[in-house]
Amino acid sequence: MDNPIVLHPYDNRWPALFEEERTRLRAVCGALLPDLHHIGSTSIPIATGLADRYPEP
C-alpha cells in the first residue's frame, strides 16, 4: 500500500490547527463556504478518533 493509514493519539494542537485550516479555506472559497465545522471525535478533546470536516451548505 503506497499510503497506509496511520492513527495517532489525540493531539492538543488539533483544535488550533483546524482553526488555521478553516481560515485558509474560507479565504480561498469565500462565499462558497459559509462555514466549516470540526466534527467527529477529535472535535471533543477527551475523545479519540479520526478528524472529519463537514462544510455547511
PDB file of N, CA and C in Angstrom:
ATOM      1  N   MET A   1       0.853  -1.173   0.000  1.00  0.00           N
ATOM      2  CA  MET A   1       0.000   0.000   0.000  1.00  0.00           C
ATOM      3  C   MET A   1       0.902   1.241   0.000  1.00  0.00           C
ATOM      4  N   ASP A   2       0.676   2.152  -0.932  1.00  0.00           N
ATOM      5  CA  ASP A   2       1.515   3.341  -1.047  1.00  0.00           C
ATOM      6  C   ASP A   2       1.321   4.332   0.091  1.00  0.00           C
ATOM      7  N   ASN A   3       0.085   4.520   0.516  1.00  0.00           N
ATOM      8  CA  ASN A   3      -0.231   5.491   1.559  1.00  0.00           C
ATOM      9  C   ASN A   3      -0.996   4.814   2.690  1.00  0.00           C
ATOM     10  N   PRO A   4      -0.302   4.145   3.587  1.00  0.00           N
ATOM     11  CA  PRO A   4      -1.012   3.458   4.666  1.00  0.00           C
ATOM     12  C   PRO A   4      -1.698   4.456   5.598  1.00  0.00           C
ATOM     13  N   ILE A   5      -2.784   4.045   6.181  1.00  0.00           N
ATOM     14  CA  ILE A   5      -3.497   4.863   7.159  1.00  0.00           C
ATOM     15  C   ILE A   5      -2.795   4.706   8.498  1.00  0.00           C
ATOM     16  N   VAL A   6      -2.519   5.833   9.138  1.00  0.00           N
ATOM     17  CA  VAL A   6      -1.845   5.817  10.431  1.00  0.00           C
ATOM     18  C   VAL A   6      -2.732   6.545  11.435  1.00  0.00           C
ATOM     19  N   LEU A   7      -3.050   5.909  12.537  1.00  0.00           N
ATOM     20  CA  LEU A   7      -3.840   6.525  13.599  1.00  0.00           C
ATOM     21  C   LEU A   7      -2.898   7.063  14.671  1.00  0.00           C
ATOM     22  N   HIS A   8      -3.228   8.231  15.191  1.00  0.00           N
ATOM     23  CA  HIS A   8      -2.402   8.874  16.207  1.00  0.00           C
ATOM     24  C   HIS A   8      -3.243   9.171  17.437  1.00  0.00           C
ATOM     25  N   PRO A   9      -2.626   9.205  18.612  1.00  0.00           N
ATOM     26  CA  PRO A   9      -3.360   9.631  19.804  1.00  0.00           C
ATOM     27  C   PRO A   9      -3.778  11.094  19.653  1.00  0.00           C
ATOM     28  N   TYR A  10      -4.781  11.501  20.415  1.00  0.00           N
ATOM     29  CA  TYR A  10      -5.257  12.885  20.373  1.00  0.00           C
ATOM     30  C   TYR A  10      -4.100  13.841  20.623  1.00  0.00           C
ATOM     31  N   ASP A  11      -4.088  14.930  19.873  1.00  0.00           N
ATOM     32  CA  ASP A  11      -3.048  15.944  19.995  1.00  0.00           C
ATOM     33  C   ASP A  11      -3.721  17.260  20.358  1.00  0.00           C
ATOM     34  N   ASN A  12      -3.292  17.885  21.436  1.00  0.00           N
ATOM     35  CA  ASN A  12      -3.901  19.138  21.896  1.00  0.00           C
ATOM     36  C   ASN A  12      -3.766  20.270  20.885  1.00  0.00           C
ATOM     37  N   ARG A  13      -2.916  20.122  19.893  1.00  0.00           N
ATOM     38  CA  ARG A  13      -2.751  21.164  18.867  1.00  0.00           C
ATOM     39  C   ARG A  13      -3.840  21.110  17.806  1.00  0.00           C
ATOM     40  N   TRP A  14      -4.573  20.000  17.716  1.00  0.00           N
ATOM     41  CA  TRP A  14      -5.553  19.837  16.645  1.00  0.00           C
ATOM     42  C   TRP A  14      -6.595  20.950  16.576  1.00  0.00           C
ATOM     43  N   PRO A  15      -7.188  21.412  17.686  1.00  0.00           N
ATOM     44  CA  PRO A  15      -8.166  22.499  17.554  1.00  0.00           C
ATOM     45  C   PRO A  15      -7.568  23.752  16.903  1.00  0.00           C
ATOM     46  N   ALA A  16      -6.360  24.127  17.295  1.00  0.00           N
ATOM     47  CA  ALA A  16      -5.716  25.302  16.704  1.00  0.00           C
ATOM     48  C   ALA A  16      -5.370  25.055  15.236  1.00  0.00           C
ATOM     49  N   LEU A  17      -4.917  23.850  14.914  1.00  0.00           N
ATOM     50  CA  LEU A  17      -4.614  23.527  13.516  1.00  0.00           C
ATOM     51  C   LEU A  17      -5.871  23.572  12.659  1.00  0.00           C
ATOM     52  N   PHE A  18      -6.990  23.108  13.212  1.00  0.00           N
ATOM     53  CA  PHE A  18      -8.250  23.187  12.474  1.00  0.00           C
ATOM     54  C   PHE A  18      -8.622  24.645  12.212  1.00  0.00           C
ATOM     55  N   GLU A  19      -8.483  25.503  13.228  1.00  0.00           N
ATOM     56  CA  GLU A  19      -8.823  26.919  13.044  1.00  0.00           C
ATOM     57  C   GLU A  19      -7.952  27.556  11.969  1.00  0.00           C
ATOM     58  N   GLU A  20      -6.684  27.205  11.921  1.00  0.00           N
ATOM     59  CA  GLU A  20      -5.802  27.715  10.866  1.00  0.00           C
ATOM     60  C   GLU A  20      -6.269  27.242   9.494  1.00  0.00           C
ATOM     61  N   GLU A  21      -6.625  25.972   9.402  1.00  0.00           N
ATOM     62  CA  GLU A  21      -7.093  25.424   8.122  1.00  0.00           C
ATOM     63  C   GLU A  21      -8.418  26.060   7.711  1.00  0.00           C
ATOM     64  N   ARG A  22      -9.318  26.254   8.669  1.00  0.00           N
ATOM     65  CA  ARG A  22     -10.601  26.904   8.387  1.00  0.00           C
ATOM     66  C   ARG A  22     -10.367  28.299   7.819  1.00  0.00           C
ATOM     67  N   THR A  23      -9.467  29.040   8.423  1.00  0.00           N
ATOM     68  CA  THR A  23      -9.166  30.394   7.957  1.00  0.00           C
ATOM     69  C   THR A  23      -8.659  30.376   6.517  1.00  0.00           C
ATOM     70  N   ARG A  24      -7.754  29.445   6.214  1.00  0.00           N
ATOM     71  CA  ARG A  24      -7.224  29.347   4.842  1.00  0.00           C
ATOM     72  C   ARG A  24      -8.319  28.974   3.844  1.00  0.00           C
ATOM     73  N   LEU A  25      -9.141  27.983   4.197  1.00  0.00           N
ATOM     74  CA  LEU A  25     -10.198  27.540   3.284  1.00  0.00           C
ATOM     75  C   LEU A  25     -11.230  28.635   3.043  1.00  0.00           C
ATOM     76  N   ARG A  26     -11.608  29.348   4.096  1.00  0.00           N
ATOM     77  CA  ARG A  26     -12.595  30.420   3.926  1.00  0.00           C
ATOM     78  C   ARG A  26     -12.024  31.563   3.097  1.00  0.00           C
ATOM     79  N   ALA A  27     -10.732  31.820   3.214  1.00  0.00           N
ATOM     80  CA  ALA A  27     -10.104  32.872   2.412  1.00  0.00           C
ATOM     81  C   ALA A  27     -10.125  32.507   0.933  1.00  0.00           C
ATOM     82  N   VAL A  28      -9.920  31.243   0.618  1.00  0.00           N
ATOM     83  CA  VAL A  28      -9.902  30.786  -0.772  1.00  0.00           C
ATOM     84  C   VAL A  28     -11.317  30.650  -1.327  1.00  0.00           C
ATOM     85  N   CYS A  29     -12.226  30.086  -0.544  1.00  0.00           N
ATOM     86  CA  CYS A  29     -13.571  29.766  -1.039  1.00  0.00           C
ATOM     87  C   CYS A  29     -14.559  30.915  -0.909  1.00  0.00           C
ATOM     88  N   GLY A  30     -14.300  31.847  -0.017  1.00  0.00           N
ATOM     89  CA  GLY A  30     -15.199  32.980   0.167  1.00  0.00           C
ATOM     90  C   GLY A  30     -16.623  32.554   0.455  1.00  0.00           C
ATOM     91  N   ALA A  31     -17.574  33.154  -0.261  1.00  0.00           N
ATOM     92  CA  ALA A  31     -19.000  32.900  -0.044  1.00  0.00           C
ATOM     93  C   ALA A  31     -19.413  31.470  -0.399  1.00  0.00           C
ATOM     94  N   LEU A  32     -18.584  30.758  -1.138  1.00  0.00           N
ATOM     95  CA  LEU A  32     -18.908  29.369  -1.465  1.00  0.00           C
ATOM     96  C   LEU A  32     -18.840  28.465  -0.236  1.00  0.00           C
ATOM     97  N   LEU A  33     -18.165  28.922   0.797  1.00  0.00           N
ATOM     98  CA  LEU A  33     -18.011  28.142   2.024  1.00  0.00           C
ATOM     99  C   LEU A  33     -18.390  29.026   3.211  1.00  0.00           C
ATOM    100  N   PRO A  34     -19.708  29.109   3.515  1.00  0.00           N
ATOM    101  CA  PRO A  34     -20.150  29.987   4.604  1.00  0.00           C
ATOM    102  C   PRO A  34     -19.513  29.641   5.947  1.00  0.00           C
ATOM    103  N   ASP A  35     -19.316  28.367   6.207  1.00  0.00           N
ATOM    104  CA  ASP A  35     -18.665  27.964   7.450  1.00  0.00           C
ATOM    105  C   ASP A  35     -18.145  26.546   7.303  1.00  0.00           C
ATOM    106  N   LEU A  36     -17.265  26.181   8.174  1.00  0.00           N
ATOM    107  CA  LEU A  36     -16.676  24.849   8.184  1.00  0.00           C
ATOM    108  C   LEU A  36     -16.600  24.421   9.640  1.00  0.00           C
ATOM    109  N   HIS A  37     -17.130  23.252   9.933  1.00  0.00           N
ATOM    110  CA  HIS A  37     -17.202  22.785  11.316  1.00  0.00           C
ATOM    111  C   HIS A  37     -16.272  21.610  11.545  1.00  0.00           C
ATOM    112  N   HIS A  38     -15.625  21.619  12.672  1.00  0.00           N
ATOM    113  CA  HIS A  38     -14.791  20.494  13.105  1.00  0.00           C
ATOM    114  C   HIS A  38     -15.726  19.504  13.785  1.00  0.00           C
ATOM    115  N   ILE A  39     -15.892  18.331  13.160  1.00  0.00           N
ATOM    116  CA  ILE A  39     -16.809  17.328  13.700  1.00  0.00           C
ATOM    117  C   ILE A  39     -16.058  16.028  13.940  1.00  0.00           C
ATOM    118  N   GLY A  40     -16.713  15.102  14.543  1.00  0.00           N
ATOM    119  CA  GLY A  40     -16.084  13.815  14.819  1.00  0.00           C
ATOM    120  C   GLY A  40     -15.457  13.807  16.195  1.00  0.00           C
ATOM    121  N   SER A  41     -14.883  12.687  16.525  1.00  0.00           N
ATOM    122  CA  SER A  41     -14.369  12.519  17.879  1.00  0.00           C
ATOM    123  C   SER A  41     -13.227  13.473  18.212  1.00  0.00           C
ATOM    124  N   THR A  42     -12.462  13.929  17.228  1.00  0.00           N
ATOM    125  CA  THR A  42     -11.359  14.836  17.544  1.00  0.00           C
ATOM    126  C   THR A  42     -11.831  16.248  17.846  1.00  0.00           C
ATOM    127  N   SER A  43     -13.106  16.549  17.606  1.00  0.00           N
ATOM    128  CA  SER A  43     -13.623  17.862  17.982  1.00  0.00           C
ATOM    129  C   SER A  43     -13.904  17.929  19.476  1.00  0.00           C
ATOM    130  N   ILE A  44     -13.844  16.785  20.140  1.00  0.00           N
ATOM    131  CA  ILE A  44     -14.059  16.701  21.582  1.00  0.00           C
ATOM    132  C   ILE A  44     -12.735  16.257  22.202  1.00  0.00           C
ATOM    133  N   PRO A  45     -12.071  17.144  22.959  1.00  0.00           N
ATOM    134  CA  PRO A  45     -10.726  16.830  23.446  1.00  0.00           C
ATOM    135  C   PRO A  45     -10.590  15.515  24.210  1.00  0.00           C
ATOM    136  N   ILE A  46     -11.626  15.068  24.907  1.00  0.00           N
ATOM    137  CA  ILE A  46     -11.484  13.833  25.682  1.00  0.00           C
ATOM    138  C   ILE A  46     -11.771  12.586  24.856  1.00  0.00           C
ATOM    139  N   ALA A  47     -12.200  12.763  23.614  1.00  0.00           N
ATOM    140  CA  ALA A  47     -12.494  11.627  22.734  1.00  0.00           C
ATOM    141  C   ALA A  47     -11.278  11.336  21.857  1.00  0.00           C
ATOM    142  N   THR A  48     -11.284  10.184  21.216  1.00  0.00           N
ATOM    143  CA  THR A  48     -10.201   9.836  20.296  1.00  0.00           C
ATOM    144  C   THR A  48     -10.802   9.419  18.968  1.00  0.00           C
ATOM    145  N   GLY A  49     -10.011   9.463  17.903  1.00  0.00           N
ATOM    146  CA  GLY A  49     -10.503   9.023  16.598  1.00  0.00           C
ATOM    147  C   GLY A  49      -9.899   9.806  15.457  1.00  0.00           C
ATOM    148  N   LEU A  50     -10.593   9.816  14.344  1.00  0.00           N
ATOM    149  CA  LEU A  50     -10.123  10.480  13.136  1.00  0.00           C
ATOM    150  C   LEU A  50     -10.767  11.849  12.979  1.00  0.00           C
ATOM    151  N   ALA A  51     -10.069  12.778  12.348  1.00  0.00           N
ATOM    152  CA  ALA A  51     -10.600  14.118  12.105  1.00  0.00           C
ATOM    153  C   ALA A  51     -11.502  14.103  10.881  1.00  0.00           C
ATOM    154  N   ASP A  52     -12.659  14.691  11.024  1.00  0.00           N
ATOM    155  CA  ASP A  52     -13.600  14.834   9.914  1.00  0.00           C
ATOM    156  C   ASP A  52     -13.911  16.311   9.751  1.00  0.00           C
ATOM    157  N   ARG A  53     -14.234  16.709   8.546  1.00  0.00           N
ATOM    158  CA  ARG A  53     -14.647  18.089   8.284  1.00  0.00           C
ATOM    159  C   ARG A  53     -15.931  18.043   7.484  1.00  0.00           C
ATOM    160  N   TYR A  54     -16.863  18.889   7.852  1.00  0.00           N
ATOM    161  CA  TYR A  54     -18.158  18.928   7.191  1.00  0.00           C
ATOM    162  C   TYR A  54     -18.473  20.363   6.807  1.00  0.00           C
ATOM    163  N   PRO A  55     -18.497  20.681   5.515  1.00  0.00           N
ATOM    164  CA  PRO A  55     -18.832  22.049   5.104  1.00  0.00           C
ATOM    165  C   PRO A  55     -20.321  22.312   5.260  1.00  0.00           C
ATOM    166  N   GLU A  56     -20.643  23.484   5.759  1.00  0.00           N
ATOM    167  CA  GLU A  56     -22.043  23.873   5.901  1.00  0.00           C
ATOM    168  C   GLU A  56     -22.548  24.333   4.541  1.00  0.00           C
ATOM    169  N   PRO A  57     -23.724  23.818   4.106  1.00  0.00           N
ATOM    170  CA  PRO A  57     -24.234  24.210   2.782  1.00  0.00           C
ATOM    171  C   PRO A  57     -24.614  25.674   2.717  1.00  0.00           C
TER     172      PRO A  57
END
